[in-house]
């Protein structure tokens, strides 16, 4: 059970990092286009 909890936590953290990466990429591209 503990291992499953850790896996879920890791997935949440990775999702958050991916979201931040997407936001940063969006910012970068909108700055390049303007």
PDB file of N, CA and C in Angstrom:
ATOM      1  N   UNK A   1       0.833  -1.203   0.000  1.00  0.00           N
ATOM      2  CA  UNK A   1       0.000   0.000   0.000  1.00  0.00           C
ATOM      3  C   UNK A   1       0.871   1.258   0.000  1.00  0.00           C
ATOM      4  N   UNK A   2       1.930   1.227   0.777  1.00  0.00           N
ATOM      5  CA  UNK A   2       2.800   2.398   0.858  1.00  0.00           C
ATOM      6  C   UNK A   2       3.434   2.684  -0.501  1.00  0.00           C
ATOM      7  N   UNK A   3       3.861   1.610  -1.186  1.00  0.00           N
ATOM      8  CA  UNK A   3       4.511   1.796  -2.487  1.00  0.00           C
ATOM      9  C   UNK A   3       3.547   2.444  -3.471  1.00  0.00           C
ATOM     10  N   UNK A   4       2.283   2.024  -3.437  1.00  0.00           N
ATOM     11  CA  UNK A   4       1.294   2.610  -4.337  1.00  0.00           C
ATOM     12  C   UNK A   4       1.139   4.103  -4.060  1.00  0.00           C
ATOM     13  N   UNK A   5       1.150   4.449  -2.773  1.00  0.00           N
ATOM     14  CA  UNK A   5       1.011   5.855  -2.396  1.00  0.00           C
ATOM     15  C   UNK A   5       2.176   6.659  -2.966  1.00  0.00           C
ATOM     16  N   UNK A   6       3.370   6.116  -2.856  1.00  0.00           N
ATOM     17  CA  UNK A   6       4.554   6.816  -3.370  1.00  0.00           C
ATOM     18  C   UNK A   6       4.446   7.009  -4.869  1.00  0.00           C
ATOM     19  N   UNK A   7       3.982   5.971  -5.565  1.00  0.00           N
ATOM     20  CA  UNK A   7       3.839   6.062  -7.024  1.00  0.00           C
ATOM     21  C   UNK A   7       2.879   7.184  -7.386  1.00  0.00           C
ATOM     22  N   UNK A   8       1.749   7.254  -6.672  1.00  0.00           N
ATOM     23  CA  UNK A   8       0.767   8.300  -6.960  1.00  0.00           C
ATOM     24  C   UNK A   8       1.375   9.670  -6.719  1.00  0.00           C
ATOM     25  N   UNK A   9       2.113   9.808  -5.636  1.00  0.00           N
ATOM     26  CA  UNK A   9       2.740  11.081  -5.304  1.00  0.00           C
ATOM     27  C   UNK A   9       3.706  11.490  -6.413  1.00  0.00           C
ATOM     28  N   UNK A  10       4.513  10.525  -6.867  1.00  0.00           N
ATOM     29  CA  UNK A  10       5.461  10.818  -7.939  1.00  0.00           C
ATOM     30  C   UNK A  10       4.723  11.282  -9.196  1.00  0.00           C
ATOM     31  N   UNK A  11       3.609  10.622  -9.487  1.00  0.00           N
ATOM     32  CA  UNK A  11       2.861  10.975 -10.694  1.00  0.00           C
ATOM     33  C   UNK A  11       2.331  12.403 -10.575  1.00  0.00           C
ATOM     34  N   UNK A  12       1.855  12.757  -9.383  1.00  0.00           N
ATOM     35  CA  UNK A  12       1.320  14.110  -9.167  1.00  0.00           C
ATOM     36  C   UNK A  12       2.420  15.138  -9.370  1.00  0.00           C
ATOM     37  N   UNK A  13       3.600  14.859  -8.801  1.00  0.00           N
ATOM     38  CA  UNK A  13       4.722  15.791  -8.925  1.00  0.00           C
ATOM     39  C   UNK A  13       5.116  15.941 -10.392  1.00  0.00           C
ATOM     40  N   UNK A  14       5.190  14.820 -11.114  1.00  0.00           N
ATOM     41  CA  UNK A  14       5.565  14.880 -12.523  1.00  0.00           C
ATOM     42  C   UNK A  14       4.537  15.686 -13.302  1.00  0.00           C
ATOM     43  N   UNK A  15       3.268  15.482 -13.011  1.00  0.00           N
ATOM     44  CA  UNK A  15       2.216  16.227 -13.697  1.00  0.00           C
ATOM     45  C   UNK A  15       2.372  17.721 -13.471  1.00  0.00           C
ATOM     46  N   UNK A  16       2.703  18.081 -12.236  1.00  0.00           N
ATOM     47  CA  UNK A  16       2.868  19.494 -11.911  1.00  0.00           C
ATOM     48  C   UNK A  16       4.048  20.073 -12.687  1.00  0.00           C
ATOM     49  N   UNK A  17       5.143  19.311 -12.767  1.00  0.00           N
ATOM     50  CA  UNK A  17       6.326  19.780 -13.492  1.00  0.00           C
ATOM     51  C   UNK A  17       5.998  19.952 -14.971  1.00  0.00           C
ATOM     52  N   UNK A  18       5.258  18.991 -15.532  1.00  0.00           N
ATOM     53  CA  UNK A  18       4.880  19.085 -16.944  1.00  0.00           C
ATOM     54  C   UNK A  18       4.028  20.325 -17.183  1.00  0.00           C
ATOM     55  N   UNK A  19       3.109  20.608 -16.259  1.00  0.00           N
ATOM     56  CA  UNK A  19       2.241  21.775 -16.395  1.00  0.00           C
ATOM     57  C   UNK A  19       3.080  23.054 -16.384  1.00  0.00           C
ATOM     58  N   UNK A  20       4.020  23.137 -15.435  1.00  0.00           N
ATOM     59  CA  UNK A  20       4.881  24.318 -15.357  1.00  0.00           C
ATOM     60  C   UNK A  20       5.672  24.467 -16.639  1.00  0.00           C
ATOM     61  N   UNK A  21       6.172  23.344 -17.148  1.00  0.00           N
ATOM     62  CA  UNK A  21       6.953  23.370 -18.390  1.00  0.00           C
ATOM     63  C   UNK A  21       6.095  23.901 -19.538  1.00  0.00           C
ATOM     64  N   UNK A  22       4.843  23.450 -19.610  1.00  0.00           N
ATOM     65  CA  UNK A  22       3.950  23.904 -20.672  1.00  0.00           C
ATOM     66  C   UNK A  22       3.710  25.399 -20.560  1.00  0.00           C
ATOM     67  N   UNK A  23       3.487  25.883 -19.345  1.00  0.00           N
ATOM     68  CA  UNK A  23       3.223  27.310 -19.140  1.00  0.00           C
ATOM     69  C   UNK A  23       4.434  28.126 -19.563  1.00  0.00           C
ATOM     70  N   UNK A  24       5.619  27.673 -19.152  1.00  0.00           N
ATOM     71  CA  UNK A  24       6.847  28.399 -19.506  1.00  0.00           C
ATOM     72  C   UNK A  24       7.034  28.417 -21.020  1.00  0.00           C
ATOM     73  N   UNK A  25       6.768  27.267 -21.668  1.00  0.00           N
ATOM     74  CA  UNK A  25       6.924  27.183 -23.121  1.00  0.00           C
ATOM     75  C   UNK A  25       5.953  28.143 -23.797  1.00  0.00           C
ATOM     76  N   UNK A  26       4.726  28.195 -23.300  1.00  0.00           N
ATOM     77  CA  UNK A  26       3.717  29.095 -23.866  1.00  0.00           C
ATOM     78  C   UNK A  26       4.205  30.539 -23.755  1.00  0.00           C
ATOM     79  N   UNK A  27       4.698  30.900 -22.582  1.00  0.00           N
ATOM     80  CA  UNK A  27       5.203  32.261 -22.370  1.00  0.00           C
ATOM     81  C   UNK A  27       6.310  32.561 -23.371  1.00  0.00           C
ATOM     82  N   UNK A  28       7.224  31.620 -23.516  1.00  0.00           N
ATOM     83  CA  UNK A  28       8.376  31.822 -24.390  1.00  0.00           C
ATOM     84  C   UNK A  28       7.919  32.033 -25.831  1.00  0.00           C
ATOM     85  N   UNK A  29       6.974  31.184 -26.284  1.00  0.00           N
ATOM     86  CA  UNK A  29       6.542  31.275 -27.674  1.00  0.00           C
ATOM     87  C   UNK A  29       5.747  32.554 -27.914  1.00  0.00           C
ATOM     88  N   UNK A  30       4.918  32.965 -26.977  1.00  0.00           N
ATOM     89  CA  UNK A  30       4.147  34.189 -27.196  1.00  0.00           C
ATOM     90  C   UNK A  30       5.096  35.384 -27.229  1.00  0.00           C
ATOM     91  N   UNK A  31       6.188  35.309 -26.493  1.00  0.00           N
ATOM     92  CA  UNK A  31       7.156  36.408 -26.500  1.00  0.00           C
ATOM     93  C   UNK A  31       7.887  36.427 -27.846  1.00  0.00           C
ATOM     94  N   UNK A  32       8.162  35.234 -28.389  1.00  0.00           N
ATOM     95  CA  UNK A  32       8.878  35.152 -29.668  1.00  0.00           C
ATOM     96  C   UNK A  32       7.983  35.648 -30.811  1.00  0.00           C
ATOM     97  N   UNK A  33       6.681  35.358 -30.747  1.00  0.00           N
ATOM     98  CA  UNK A  33       5.772  35.703 -31.841  1.00  0.00           C
ATOM     99  C   UNK A  33       5.525  37.208 -31.888  1.00  0.00           C
ATOM    100  N   UNK A  34       5.484  37.843 -30.747  1.00  0.00           N
ATOM    101  CA  UNK A  34       5.173  39.287 -30.703  1.00  0.00           C
ATOM    102  C   UNK A  34       6.316  40.098 -31.299  1.00  0.00           C
TER     103      UNK A  34
END
